[in-house]
N, C-alpha and C. Protein backbone atom coordinates (compact mmCIF):
# COMPACT_ATOMS: atom_id res chain seq x y z
N MET A 1 -54.37 162.47 151.17
CA MET A 1 -55.13 161.47 150.38
C MET A 1 -54.50 161.35 148.93
N PHE A 2 -54.50 160.22 148.48
CA PHE A 2 -53.97 160.08 147.15
C PHE A 2 -55.02 159.98 146.15
N TRP A 3 -55.00 160.47 144.94
CA TRP A 3 -55.90 160.37 143.89
C TRP A 3 -55.32 159.38 142.94
N LEU A 4 -55.95 158.21 142.78
CA LEU A 4 -55.45 157.28 141.82
C LEU A 4 -55.91 157.46 140.48
N THR A 5 -54.99 157.18 139.42
CA THR A 5 -55.27 157.41 138.09
C THR A 5 -54.94 156.07 137.28
N PRO A 6 -55.62 155.82 136.35
CA PRO A 6 -55.26 154.56 135.52
C PRO A 6 -53.78 154.79 135.00
N PRO A 7 -53.06 153.64 134.98
CA PRO A 7 -51.73 153.80 134.39
C PRO A 7 -51.66 153.82 132.95
N ALA A 8 -50.68 154.34 132.32
CA ALA A 8 -50.49 154.46 130.89
C ALA A 8 -50.45 152.93 130.33
N LYS A 9 -50.90 152.83 129.11
CA LYS A 9 -50.99 151.59 128.39
C LYS A 9 -49.64 150.79 128.60
N ALA A 10 -48.60 151.68 128.27
CA ALA A 10 -47.27 151.01 128.23
C ALA A 10 -46.84 150.47 129.69
N THR A 11 -47.18 151.24 130.59
CA THR A 11 -46.90 150.92 131.99
C THR A 11 -47.53 149.53 132.45
N PHE A 12 -48.80 149.51 132.01
CA PHE A 12 -49.55 148.31 132.36
C PHE A 12 -49.02 147.15 131.55
N LEU A 13 -48.73 147.29 130.29
CA LEU A 13 -48.32 146.22 129.50
C LEU A 13 -47.04 145.71 129.93
N ILE A 14 -46.06 146.58 130.30
CA ILE A 14 -44.68 146.19 130.85
C ILE A 14 -44.86 145.41 132.04
N SER A 15 -45.73 145.91 133.05
CA SER A 15 -45.84 145.30 134.30
C SER A 15 -46.52 143.82 134.19
N VAL A 16 -47.45 143.70 133.18
CA VAL A 16 -48.05 142.45 132.92
C VAL A 16 -47.03 141.40 132.36
N ILE A 17 -46.18 141.95 131.52
CA ILE A 17 -45.15 140.98 130.84
C ILE A 17 -44.26 140.56 131.89
N LEU A 18 -43.81 141.40 132.71
CA LEU A 18 -42.84 141.13 133.78
C LEU A 18 -43.40 140.11 134.72
N ALA A 19 -44.72 140.24 135.05
CA ALA A 19 -45.45 139.36 135.99
C ALA A 19 -45.55 137.95 135.24
N ILE A 20 -45.84 137.89 134.09
CA ILE A 20 -45.92 136.74 133.25
C ILE A 20 -44.61 135.99 133.21
N LEU A 21 -43.55 136.67 132.95
CA LEU A 21 -42.22 136.12 133.10
C LEU A 21 -41.89 135.50 134.40
N ALA A 22 -42.09 136.28 135.34
CA ALA A 22 -41.91 135.68 136.84
C ALA A 22 -42.69 134.52 137.10
N LEU A 23 -43.96 134.43 136.69
CA LEU A 23 -44.74 133.23 136.85
C LEU A 23 -44.29 132.05 136.03
N LEU A 24 -43.90 132.31 134.81
CA LEU A 24 -43.26 131.21 133.96
C LEU A 24 -42.04 130.64 134.58
N VAL A 25 -41.20 131.53 135.01
CA VAL A 25 -39.92 130.94 135.75
C VAL A 25 -40.17 130.19 137.01
N GLN A 26 -41.22 130.66 137.84
CA GLN A 26 -41.58 130.01 139.02
C GLN A 26 -42.37 128.68 138.85
N TYR A 27 -43.37 128.67 137.94
CA TYR A 27 -44.28 127.54 137.85
C TYR A 27 -43.91 126.68 136.65
N ALA A 28 -43.49 127.16 135.62
CA ALA A 28 -43.35 126.37 134.35
C ALA A 28 -41.82 125.99 134.37
N HIS A 29 -41.07 126.46 135.21
CA HIS A 29 -39.56 126.14 135.28
C HIS A 29 -38.89 126.59 133.89
N ALA A 30 -39.30 127.65 133.28
CA ALA A 30 -38.73 128.24 132.12
C ALA A 30 -37.41 128.85 132.38
N ALA A 31 -36.45 128.64 131.51
CA ALA A 31 -35.15 129.25 131.72
C ALA A 31 -35.04 130.57 130.92
N ILE A 32 -35.37 131.74 131.55
CA ILE A 32 -35.33 132.94 131.02
C ILE A 32 -34.03 133.66 131.56
N PRO A 33 -33.07 134.17 130.72
CA PRO A 33 -31.75 134.54 131.31
C PRO A 33 -31.78 135.62 132.31
N VAL A 34 -32.41 136.67 132.17
CA VAL A 34 -32.51 137.69 133.07
C VAL A 34 -33.34 137.41 134.38
N VAL A 35 -34.43 136.73 134.13
CA VAL A 35 -35.40 136.56 135.22
C VAL A 35 -35.19 135.17 136.08
N SER A 36 -34.54 134.33 135.55
CA SER A 36 -34.32 133.05 136.26
C SER A 36 -33.41 133.26 137.53
N GLY A 37 -33.96 132.77 138.57
CA GLY A 37 -33.30 132.97 139.83
C GLY A 37 -33.72 134.17 140.51
N HIS A 38 -34.49 135.06 139.88
CA HIS A 38 -34.95 136.24 140.45
C HIS A 38 -36.55 136.43 140.18
N GLY A 39 -37.26 135.37 140.30
CA GLY A 39 -38.63 135.47 140.10
C GLY A 39 -39.35 136.30 141.03
N PHE A 40 -39.06 136.27 142.30
CA PHE A 40 -39.73 137.13 143.37
C PHE A 40 -39.51 138.66 142.99
N GLU A 41 -38.17 138.82 142.80
CA GLU A 41 -37.86 140.25 142.50
C GLU A 41 -38.48 140.82 141.33
N THR A 42 -38.60 139.97 140.35
CA THR A 42 -39.20 140.43 139.02
C THR A 42 -40.68 140.74 139.28
N LEU A 43 -41.42 139.87 140.05
CA LEU A 43 -42.69 140.11 140.37
C LEU A 43 -42.95 141.26 141.20
N LEU A 44 -42.06 141.59 142.02
CA LEU A 44 -42.08 142.80 142.87
C LEU A 44 -41.91 144.00 142.14
N ILE A 45 -40.99 144.03 141.11
CA ILE A 45 -40.78 145.15 140.20
C ILE A 45 -42.01 145.45 139.42
N ALA A 46 -42.67 144.26 139.02
CA ALA A 46 -43.89 144.49 138.12
C ALA A 46 -44.86 145.21 138.93
N PHE A 47 -45.13 144.72 140.16
CA PHE A 47 -46.02 145.25 141.02
C PHE A 47 -45.91 146.75 141.42
N LEU A 48 -44.58 147.12 141.74
CA LEU A 48 -44.10 148.45 142.03
C LEU A 48 -44.40 149.38 140.85
N LEU A 49 -44.03 148.81 139.68
CA LEU A 49 -44.28 149.69 138.40
C LEU A 49 -45.76 149.90 138.19
N LEU A 50 -46.54 148.91 138.39
CA LEU A 50 -48.09 149.11 138.29
C LEU A 50 -48.54 150.17 139.47
N LEU A 51 -47.99 150.09 140.59
CA LEU A 51 -48.28 151.05 141.72
C LEU A 51 -47.93 152.28 141.35
N ALA A 52 -46.74 152.64 140.64
CA ALA A 52 -46.24 153.95 140.35
C ALA A 52 -47.05 154.50 139.15
N GLY A 53 -47.56 153.52 138.39
CA GLY A 53 -48.60 153.98 137.29
C GLY A 53 -49.85 154.37 137.82
N ASN A 54 -50.27 153.96 139.04
CA ASN A 54 -51.54 154.32 139.50
C ASN A 54 -51.46 155.56 140.44
N LEU A 55 -50.35 155.74 140.95
CA LEU A 55 -50.12 156.85 141.96
C LEU A 55 -49.68 158.18 141.20
N PHE A 56 -48.89 158.12 140.18
CA PHE A 56 -48.52 159.27 139.38
C PHE A 56 -49.26 159.46 138.06
N ARG A 57 -49.55 160.62 137.81
CA ARG A 57 -50.34 160.94 136.65
C ARG A 57 -49.43 160.88 135.46
N GLY A 58 -49.81 160.25 134.43
CA GLY A 58 -49.00 160.18 133.25
C GLY A 58 -47.86 159.19 133.15
N PHE A 59 -47.90 158.35 134.17
CA PHE A 59 -46.71 157.32 134.20
C PHE A 59 -47.20 156.03 133.78
């Protein structure tokens, strides 16, 4: 059984920023150099980062 912990503030903030960037690329058609063309992958990385922040203490 996994014990879930709240993610660190920095981990949460980075994952939210990545998710917002991915949504801007997908729906607002914003041209963001690193994210453009990789919207799904960026959103996946944001989710996995938030998941790691919940599963591992202090991350």
